[in-house]
Every structure is written in C-alpha cells, then in structure tokens.
Amino acid sequence: MRQLDRRGFTLVELLVVIAIIGVLVGLLLPAVQAAREAARRMSCSNNLKQIGLALHNYHDTFRVFPLSVLGEGPSAEGWQRQPSWLIRVLPQLEQGAAIDGIEYAGTTFDNINATWAAPAKQWRAMNELRVPTYNCPSSALPRTWSYPTSANTQALGAPENIEIQISDYAGNSGCNFRGGSLTEFDETAEWRRVGVIADNGFFGVKFRENMGQNWPGTITKFATLLDGTSHTIAVGEQGAFFGNSSDYRAGAALGGMWSCATGTHNSDLSNYVVTRFPINYSGTRWEAKSGQGVVDGSWADNQYQTSWGNTAFRSEHTGGAQFVFADGSVHFITNSIRFDIYTALMDRHDQTVPEDFQ
C-alpha cells in the first residue's frame, strides 16, 4: 500500500495567508470603529434626551425651568454659593437619593478654599456622586477634577482634596448677537470679566443684586420661549478638548457640576454658555460687545480667562455636536451651520424661526 505524501505550507503560502488576513483586518477595523462610535453617539444622544426630559419634569413640578445662575450671598456660616441647574434636576433624573438631606443654607457649592466661605457641607456627596448621564462616552476628557477643600470644610471631616465630577454638557444662556443676526448685538449682551454675558437663552439668570449689571435677569418657563420649543436649544455638548490638551468645559470652574460659581455677573460662571463662538471653534478671537461698543474679544482679555463664560460647544463626534432642544428633541448640528442660524437657535425670543438647521 502506497503511503500518501504529507507536506506543510511553504513559507510563501504562509506569507500570502498572513497578508490576506492583514488586508481583511485593515478593511474591517474602520467598520468596527465606526460601529462603536455610532453606539457611543447614540448613548450621548440618550443622555441629552434624559436631560431634556428631566428639565420638562422639573418644569411640571415648579412651573419654571431651573436658573443657570443664582447669585451668591452671605450666611451665618460664611459666604455661600448656589447649586447649578445640573444638581437641581437630579431628582428628575432619578438621582434624588444622592442629594436627599443636603443642607442648602450655610453651605457653598463651589467648594472654594477660602476662610470667608461657608463650608461645603455636602463635600461627601461631591466627592462620591458620579452621574453617568452627565458624561459623553465618546469624550476623552477627564470625568473628574481634584479640588482643595477649605479649613471650614475639613473641620467637618473632609480630606484636603476631593474629586468632583465635571459635566460634558452645558446649558444655553443665550448669545452675544441677537439671534439671526451677525451685526446686531443683543440688548442684554455685556462684556465682563468672564467674556460676554447675556440673558436671552433657554436658561434664565438671576445675578447677585446691586453689582452693576444693566438688567434684572429672567426666570424662564415655556411661556418665555417665544420662538417655540422646537427652535430653542436647551443644552449642548462640551465633550472635547480645545486644541490638543486644553479643557475649557463650562463646568471646569470651582465646584464642577455642583456649582453655578459666584452668580456675580463680573466673576466666574459655571455650567452654562453664552455663545460667541461656532461649534468646535478652534481659534482664539471673535467679535463681542462691551460698554464701549464693539470689541475684538478673545479668550483672555484684561488678563482674565474668559473661557468659562463663552467656551464653545464641541464634541468628539465627527463634524459637529449634539444638542437637546426645549421640546426634548435631540439634534446633531454640523460645524458648517450658518452662524446666524446657530445664534437664532440660542436666542429664545428673537422671533427668527430658521427652516433648516441640521
């Protein structure tokens, strides 16, 4: 009986097979990465949907929307600063247990390390609470920042530093221009330390009184959104670096997602944006308004960092960013949107209704 010859693959055949496998992997990998990003983008869209629903439920309960700014003030235990809108809607995000029992009197929510400040009585919750809904899964930005605590807070048992979550989403408190215009500035727009402040967005502002602001501020509700809920942006993404490494999220001021900062029109603001820059803007200058008329504003003016007040909405999703509108719908808006249309979507009462904004 003849024995069959047995031989293995030649080196050339092995190299050909390896090369074919390499080509197949090269073809499949981008598709896998695209599928993963599509899933992350969908998750981000769901986050915004949940935030929009929480805002609606808040309005159902209180008949108004939460303020993006509420002025600081004195207390028997020191100067206190108020919680942000992100904290106020936690019960509507089924996170109410995390803030049950928190004291709002005689406490500061920006965790400032100063002897004149009230203690951050809720330091433990600030250090431990993580809300997945407030972070985009596509974002490479850090989920938390480390902040020092004050001596008054440490007297309550807090460590020298605590880790506080930073949100990848910021509220819309208006825009520099009157919506739908590139030349007409909004009547409430003022150039201040944080850049331009205004009071024409989805979220209302109530600054600390008697500090020189030119308008009293507004508490918003559905009735004040004169352009309609489907044409007013409520919240947008800030889940990407400015440049290669700068974290300019609106919530990266003291207190992270917990704080609306000072609530003073001429000082740090947090967790909301007054729009001066296009989506994913990577430059450093843009036209602004001051008490002296039109100025060429920048990120840093008069030696102050203005990124907190006017930092652009931006994302890691290719080509644009996602926004939830006042009606609860989520839209992906591209970088190429006309800036006058973009500002019209930021302004709640400019009486400009753009037909197409995708």
Protein backbone atom coordinates (compact mmCIF):
# COMPACT_ATOMS: atom_id res chain seq x y z
CA MET A 1 0.00 0.00 0.00
CA ARG A 2 1.34 3.39 -1.04
CA GLN A 3 1.86 5.97 1.66
CA LEU A 4 0.50 9.40 0.80
CA ASP A 5 2.96 12.28 0.83
CA ARG A 6 2.35 14.80 3.59
CA ARG A 7 3.75 18.26 3.40
CA GLY A 8 3.09 21.56 5.20
CA PHE A 9 2.59 25.04 3.81
CA THR A 10 5.53 26.65 2.17
CA LEU A 11 6.87 29.93 3.53
CA VAL A 12 5.46 31.79 0.54
CA GLU A 13 2.00 30.35 1.11
CA LEU A 14 2.11 31.34 4.80
CA LEU A 15 3.14 34.87 3.91
CA VAL A 16 0.28 35.12 1.41
CA VAL A 17 -2.25 33.95 4.01
CA ILE A 18 -0.89 36.40 6.59
CA ALA A 19 -1.05 39.21 4.04
CA ILE A 20 -4.68 38.36 3.21
CA ILE A 21 -5.60 38.32 6.90
CA GLY A 22 -3.88 41.69 7.33
CA VAL A 23 -5.87 43.17 4.46
CA LEU A 24 -9.13 41.83 5.88
CA VAL A 25 -8.34 43.26 9.32
CA GLY A 26 -7.48 46.59 7.72
CA LEU A 27 -10.81 46.59 5.94
CA LEU A 28 -12.86 45.52 8.96
CA LEU A 29 -11.23 47.65 11.66
CA PRO A 30 -12.57 51.01 10.43
CA ALA A 31 -16.03 49.48 10.18
CA VAL A 32 -15.79 48.18 13.74
CA GLN A 33 -14.55 51.55 14.98
CA ALA A 34 -17.35 53.33 13.11
CA ALA A 35 -19.91 50.98 14.66
CA ARG A 36 -18.51 51.63 18.13
CA GLU A 37 -18.60 55.39 17.62
CA ALA A 38 -22.17 55.14 16.33
CA ALA A 39 -23.09 53.31 19.54
CA ARG A 40 -21.32 55.94 21.67
CA ARG A 41 -23.03 58.75 19.77
CA MET A 42 -26.39 57.08 20.34
CA SER A 43 -25.60 56.81 24.05
CA CYS A 44 -24.69 60.52 24.12
CA SER A 45 -27.97 61.32 22.36
CA ASN A 46 -29.80 59.32 25.01
CA ASN A 47 -28.01 61.31 27.75
CA LEU A 48 -29.27 64.54 26.25
CA LYS A 49 -32.74 63.06 25.84
CA GLN A 50 -32.78 62.20 29.55
CA ILE A 51 -31.60 65.71 30.47
CA GLY A 52 -34.32 67.24 28.30
CA LEU A 53 -36.95 65.04 29.93
CA ALA A 54 -35.62 65.99 33.38
CA LEU A 55 -35.99 69.69 32.51
CA HIS A 56 -39.60 69.09 31.43
CA ASN A 57 -40.36 67.22 34.64
CA TYR A 58 -38.75 69.99 36.66
CA HIS A 59 -41.00 72.49 34.91
CA ASP A 60 -44.04 70.30 35.62
CA THR A 61 -43.16 70.41 39.32
CA PHE A 62 -42.09 74.03 39.76
CA ARG A 63 -43.76 75.70 36.75
CA VAL A 64 -40.39 77.23 35.76
CA PHE A 65 -37.05 75.99 34.49
CA PRO A 66 -34.06 75.97 36.84
CA LEU A 67 -31.80 79.01 36.73
CA SER A 68 -28.34 78.68 35.24
CA VAL A 69 -27.17 81.46 37.56
CA LEU A 70 -28.31 82.34 41.05
CA GLY A 71 -26.37 84.99 42.94
CA GLU A 72 -24.09 84.25 45.88
CA GLY A 73 -24.81 85.75 49.28
CA PRO A 74 -23.93 85.86 52.98
CA SER A 75 -24.92 83.36 55.64
CA ALA A 76 -24.24 82.94 59.35
CA GLU A 77 -21.53 80.40 58.49
CA GLY A 78 -19.80 82.35 55.72
CA TRP A 79 -20.29 83.34 52.10
CA GLN A 80 -22.36 80.77 50.24
CA ARG A 81 -22.65 79.98 46.56
CA GLN A 82 -25.56 78.20 44.96
CA PRO A 83 -26.01 74.80 43.27
CA SER A 84 -26.09 74.52 39.49
CA TRP A 85 -29.03 73.55 37.32
CA LEU A 86 -27.40 70.12 36.90
CA ILE A 87 -27.86 69.48 40.61
CA ARG A 88 -31.37 70.92 40.74
CA VAL A 89 -32.65 68.40 38.15
CA LEU A 90 -31.07 65.32 39.79
CA PRO A 91 -34.39 64.22 41.34
CA GLN A 92 -35.91 64.26 37.84
CA LEU A 93 -33.02 62.02 36.68
CA GLU A 94 -33.88 59.50 39.41
CA GLN A 95 -30.83 60.62 41.37
CA GLY A 96 -32.76 62.30 44.14
CA ALA A 97 -31.45 59.90 46.79
CA ALA A 98 -27.95 61.25 46.18
CA ILE A 99 -28.91 64.72 47.39
CA ASP A 100 -31.58 63.88 49.95
CA GLY A 101 -30.71 65.50 53.23
CA ILE A 102 -28.25 68.00 51.75
CA GLU A 103 -28.29 71.36 53.55
CA TYR A 104 -28.69 74.36 51.28
CA ALA A 105 -28.36 77.01 53.98
CA GLY A 106 -24.95 77.98 55.29
CA THR A 107 -23.09 75.95 52.68
CA THR A 108 -21.21 76.67 49.46
CA PHE A 109 -21.50 74.55 46.35
CA ASP A 110 -18.33 75.73 44.64
CA ASN A 111 -16.06 74.23 47.35
CA ILE A 112 -13.91 77.35 47.30
CA ASN A 113 -10.84 77.17 49.54
CA ALA A 114 -11.21 80.48 51.38
CA THR A 115 -11.53 81.44 55.02
CA TRP A 116 -14.51 83.72 54.32
CA ALA A 117 -16.51 80.96 52.60
CA ALA A 118 -19.15 78.80 54.20
CA PRO A 119 -18.15 75.13 54.45
CA ALA A 120 -19.13 72.70 51.70
CA LYS A 121 -21.36 70.65 53.96
CA GLN A 122 -22.17 68.30 51.08
CA TRP A 123 -18.48 67.53 50.43
CA ARG A 124 -19.03 63.78 50.75
CA ALA A 125 -21.68 63.76 48.02
CA MET A 126 -19.48 65.99 45.85
CA ASN A 127 -16.61 63.55 46.28
CA GLU A 128 -18.60 60.37 45.68
CA LEU A 129 -21.51 61.09 43.34
CA ARG A 130 -20.98 60.17 39.69
CA VAL A 131 -23.84 60.68 37.25
CA PRO A 132 -23.19 58.72 34.02
CA THR A 133 -25.82 60.78 32.20
CA TYR A 134 -23.58 63.86 32.52
CA ASN A 135 -20.66 62.43 30.53
CA CYS A 136 -20.43 61.65 26.82
CA PRO A 137 -18.96 58.16 26.20
CA SER A 138 -17.00 59.49 23.21
CA SER A 139 -15.24 62.13 25.27
CA ALA A 140 -11.57 61.71 26.17
CA LEU A 141 -11.78 64.45 28.79
CA PRO A 142 -11.30 63.52 32.46
CA ARG A 143 -14.51 62.65 34.28
CA THR A 144 -13.37 64.40 37.47
CA TRP A 145 -11.08 67.17 38.65
CA SER A 146 -9.38 67.36 42.03
CA TYR A 147 -10.16 70.45 44.12
CA PRO A 148 -8.77 71.54 47.52
CA THR A 149 -11.17 71.95 50.42
CA SER A 150 -11.25 74.84 52.88
CA ALA A 151 -10.34 74.63 56.55
CA ASN A 152 -14.04 75.05 57.39
CA THR A 153 -14.90 72.06 55.22
CA GLN A 154 -12.03 69.99 56.59
CA ALA A 155 -13.39 70.68 60.09
CA LEU A 156 -16.42 68.62 59.02
CA GLY A 157 -14.20 65.64 58.24
CA ALA A 158 -13.32 66.33 54.62
CA PRO A 159 -9.85 65.48 53.24
CA GLU A 160 -7.56 68.18 51.85
CA ASN A 161 -8.69 67.40 48.28
CA ILE A 162 -11.83 65.87 46.82
CA GLU A 163 -12.63 64.56 43.34
CA ILE A 164 -15.61 66.31 41.72
CA GLN A 165 -17.36 65.26 38.52
CA ILE A 166 -17.19 67.61 35.51
CA SER A 167 -20.13 67.50 33.11
CA ASP A 168 -19.70 67.18 29.34
CA TYR A 169 -22.94 69.10 28.85
CA ALA A 170 -23.65 72.80 29.40
CA GLY A 171 -26.79 74.90 29.41
CA ASN A 172 -27.66 77.58 26.87
CA SER A 173 -27.96 81.02 28.45
CA GLY A 174 -28.09 82.94 25.19
CA CYS A 175 -25.73 84.52 22.71
CA ASN A 176 -23.68 87.60 22.04
CA PHE A 177 -25.63 88.60 18.93
CA ARG A 178 -29.36 88.96 18.68
CA GLY A 179 -30.42 85.64 17.24
CA GLY A 180 -30.44 85.53 13.46
CA SER A 181 -28.01 88.44 13.12
CA LEU A 182 -24.27 88.82 12.67
CA THR A 183 -24.25 92.57 13.25
CA GLU A 184 -26.92 93.34 15.85
CA PHE A 185 -25.90 92.66 19.44
CA ASP A 186 -28.48 91.52 21.96
CA GLU A 187 -29.63 94.31 24.26
CA THR A 188 -28.53 92.31 27.33
CA ALA A 189 -25.04 91.49 25.99
CA GLU A 190 -22.28 92.96 28.16
CA TRP A 191 -18.52 92.47 28.09
CA ARG A 192 -17.35 91.41 31.54
CA ARG A 193 -14.51 89.56 33.22
CA VAL A 194 -15.82 86.18 32.03
CA GLY A 195 -16.35 87.43 28.48
CA VAL A 196 -19.82 88.33 27.25
CA ILE A 197 -22.83 87.77 29.49
CA ALA A 198 -26.41 87.88 28.21
CA ASP A 199 -29.94 86.94 29.18
CA ASN A 200 -31.59 85.67 26.00
CA GLY A 201 -31.17 81.89 26.22
CA PHE A 202 -33.16 78.90 27.37
CA PHE A 203 -31.91 79.17 30.95
CA GLY A 204 -32.64 82.31 32.91
CA VAL A 205 -30.15 84.11 35.12
CA LYS A 206 -30.53 85.94 38.40
CA PHE A 207 -27.24 87.55 39.30
CA ARG A 208 -26.29 88.83 42.72
CA GLU A 209 -28.13 92.09 43.20
CA ASN A 210 -26.69 95.60 43.22
CA MET A 211 -23.46 94.65 41.47
CA GLY A 212 -23.81 96.93 38.45
CA GLN A 213 -25.49 94.70 35.89
CA ASN A 214 -27.72 96.53 33.44
CA TRP A 215 -30.71 94.16 33.57
CA PRO A 216 -32.54 92.29 36.36
CA GLY A 217 -32.46 88.81 34.88
CA THR A 218 -35.21 86.37 33.98
CA ILE A 219 -36.75 83.18 35.33
CA THR A 220 -37.69 81.21 32.23
CA LYS A 221 -40.61 78.90 31.55
CA PHE A 222 -42.30 77.58 28.44
CA ALA A 223 -44.20 80.84 28.02
CA THR A 224 -40.97 82.86 27.75
CA LEU A 225 -39.66 80.75 24.83
CA LEU A 226 -41.29 82.97 22.22
CA ASP A 227 -39.53 81.30 19.28
CA GLY A 228 -41.08 77.97 20.19
CA THR A 229 -39.61 74.96 21.95
CA SER A 230 -38.59 73.26 18.68
CA HIS A 231 -36.40 76.26 17.73
CA THR A 232 -34.66 76.88 21.04
CA ILE A 233 -31.57 74.98 22.18
CA ALA A 234 -31.59 73.99 25.85
CA VAL A 235 -28.36 72.04 26.42
CA GLY A 236 -25.36 71.13 24.28
CA GLU A 237 -22.20 69.06 24.30
CA GLN A 238 -18.79 70.10 25.56
CA GLY A 239 -17.03 66.76 25.37
CA ALA A 240 -13.81 67.60 23.52
CA PHE A 241 -10.51 69.34 24.13
CA PHE A 242 -9.88 72.85 22.85
CA GLY A 243 -6.80 72.26 20.73
CA ASN A 244 -4.83 69.22 21.80
CA SER A 245 -4.97 69.43 25.56
CA SER A 246 -6.98 72.38 26.95
CA ASP A 247 -10.07 71.51 28.96
CA TYR A 248 -12.37 74.52 28.53
CA ARG A 249 -15.65 72.98 29.64
CA ALA A 250 -18.06 75.40 31.24
CA GLY A 251 -18.23 73.14 34.29
CA ALA A 252 -14.49 73.12 34.92
CA ALA A 253 -14.67 76.11 37.26
CA LEU A 254 -14.70 75.64 41.04
CA GLY A 255 -17.21 73.06 42.20
CA GLY A 256 -17.50 71.20 38.89
CA MET A 257 -21.02 70.09 38.06
CA TRP A 258 -22.25 71.15 41.51
CA SER A 259 -21.81 74.90 41.21
CA CYS A 260 -23.06 77.91 39.29
CA ALA A 261 -19.93 79.60 40.66
CA THR A 262 -20.24 83.11 42.07
CA GLY A 263 -23.52 84.07 40.45
CA THR A 264 -21.98 87.52 40.02
CA HIS A 265 -22.05 88.98 36.52
CA ASN A 266 -18.44 90.15 36.70
CA SER A 267 -16.87 86.96 38.03
CA ASP A 268 -16.58 83.22 37.31
CA LEU A 269 -19.63 81.44 35.93
CA SER A 270 -20.15 77.73 35.56
CA ASN A 271 -22.10 75.01 33.72
CA TYR A 272 -23.64 77.25 31.11
CA VAL A 273 -22.55 79.10 27.98
CA VAL A 274 -23.31 82.43 26.36
CA THR A 275 -22.49 81.68 22.74
CA ARG A 276 -19.91 83.77 20.93
CA PHE A 277 -18.11 81.01 19.05
CA PRO A 278 -19.20 78.47 16.40
CA ILE A 279 -19.43 74.74 17.13
CA ASN A 280 -15.97 73.17 17.63
CA TYR A 281 -14.34 76.59 17.19
CA SER A 282 -10.56 76.26 17.40
CA GLY A 283 -9.45 79.88 17.01
CA THR A 284 -8.87 82.47 19.70
CA ARG A 285 -10.79 85.59 18.66
CA TRP A 286 -14.38 86.53 17.89
CA GLU A 287 -16.35 89.77 17.77
CA ALA A 288 -18.01 90.82 21.03
CA LYS A 289 -19.85 93.73 22.62
CA SER A 290 -18.71 95.90 25.51
CA GLY A 291 -19.90 99.05 27.22
CA GLN A 292 -17.67 100.94 24.80
CA GLY A 293 -19.23 99.35 21.72
CA VAL A 294 -17.88 96.54 19.56
CA VAL A 295 -14.61 94.97 20.57
CA ASP A 296 -12.45 92.17 19.19
CA GLY A 297 -12.87 89.84 22.14
CA SER A 298 -10.62 86.90 22.88
CA TRP A 299 -10.26 84.00 25.28
CA ALA A 300 -8.17 86.15 27.57
CA ASP A 301 -8.97 89.81 27.99
CA ASN A 302 -7.61 92.14 30.66
CA GLN A 303 -5.55 89.21 31.98
CA TYR A 304 -8.68 87.22 32.86
CA GLN A 305 -9.59 83.81 31.50
CA THR A 306 -12.88 84.17 29.65
CA SER A 307 -13.30 80.55 28.63
CA TRP A 308 -15.85 79.79 31.35
CA GLY A 309 -18.45 82.22 30.06
CA ASN A 310 -18.14 81.79 26.30
CA THR A 311 -16.40 78.49 25.67
CA ALA A 312 -17.77 76.87 22.52
CA PHE A 313 -19.94 73.81 22.35
CA ARG A 314 -17.79 71.00 20.98
CA SER A 315 -17.71 67.22 20.72
CA GLU A 316 -15.68 64.19 19.64
CA HIS A 317 -18.39 63.24 17.15
CA THR A 318 -17.07 63.93 13.67
CA GLY A 319 -18.45 67.03 12.01
CA GLY A 320 -20.47 68.70 14.76
CA ALA A 321 -22.11 68.29 18.15
CA GLN A 322 -25.42 67.18 19.65
CA PHE A 323 -27.98 69.39 21.33
CA VAL A 324 -31.27 68.85 23.11
CA PHE A 325 -33.92 71.43 22.30
CA ALA A 326 -36.57 72.82 24.60
CA ASP A 327 -39.15 70.38 23.17
CA GLY A 328 -36.97 67.46 24.25
CA SER A 329 -35.81 66.51 20.76
CA VAL A 330 -32.11 65.82 20.15
CA HIS A 331 -30.35 67.08 17.02
CA PHE A 332 -26.86 66.72 15.62
CA ILE A 333 -25.82 70.14 14.31
CA THR A 334 -22.87 70.34 11.95
CA ASN A 335 -19.87 72.64 12.18
CA SER A 336 -20.92 74.20 8.90
CA ILE A 337 -24.21 75.63 10.16
CA ARG A 338 -24.55 79.30 9.31
CA PHE A 339 -23.65 81.27 12.41
CA ASP A 340 -26.74 83.50 12.18
CA ILE A 341 -28.94 80.39 12.20
CA TYR A 342 -26.95 78.98 15.10
CA THR A 343 -27.43 82.12 17.19
CA ALA A 344 -31.14 82.13 16.31
CA LEU A 345 -31.40 78.71 17.95
CA MET A 346 -29.66 80.07 21.06
CA ASP A 347 -31.93 83.12 21.39
CA ARG A 348 -35.30 82.30 22.97
CA HIS A 349 -37.16 85.40 21.76
CA ASP A 350 -35.58 86.83 18.61
CA GLN A 351 -38.67 85.95 16.53
CA THR A 352 -36.43 84.23 13.99
CA VAL A 353 -37.53 80.71 13.06
CA PRO A 354 -34.96 79.01 10.82
CA GLU A 355 -36.39 76.37 8.50
CA ASP A 356 -33.33 74.11 8.36
CA PHE A 357 -30.57 73.84 10.96
CA GLN A 358 -29.09 70.36 10.52
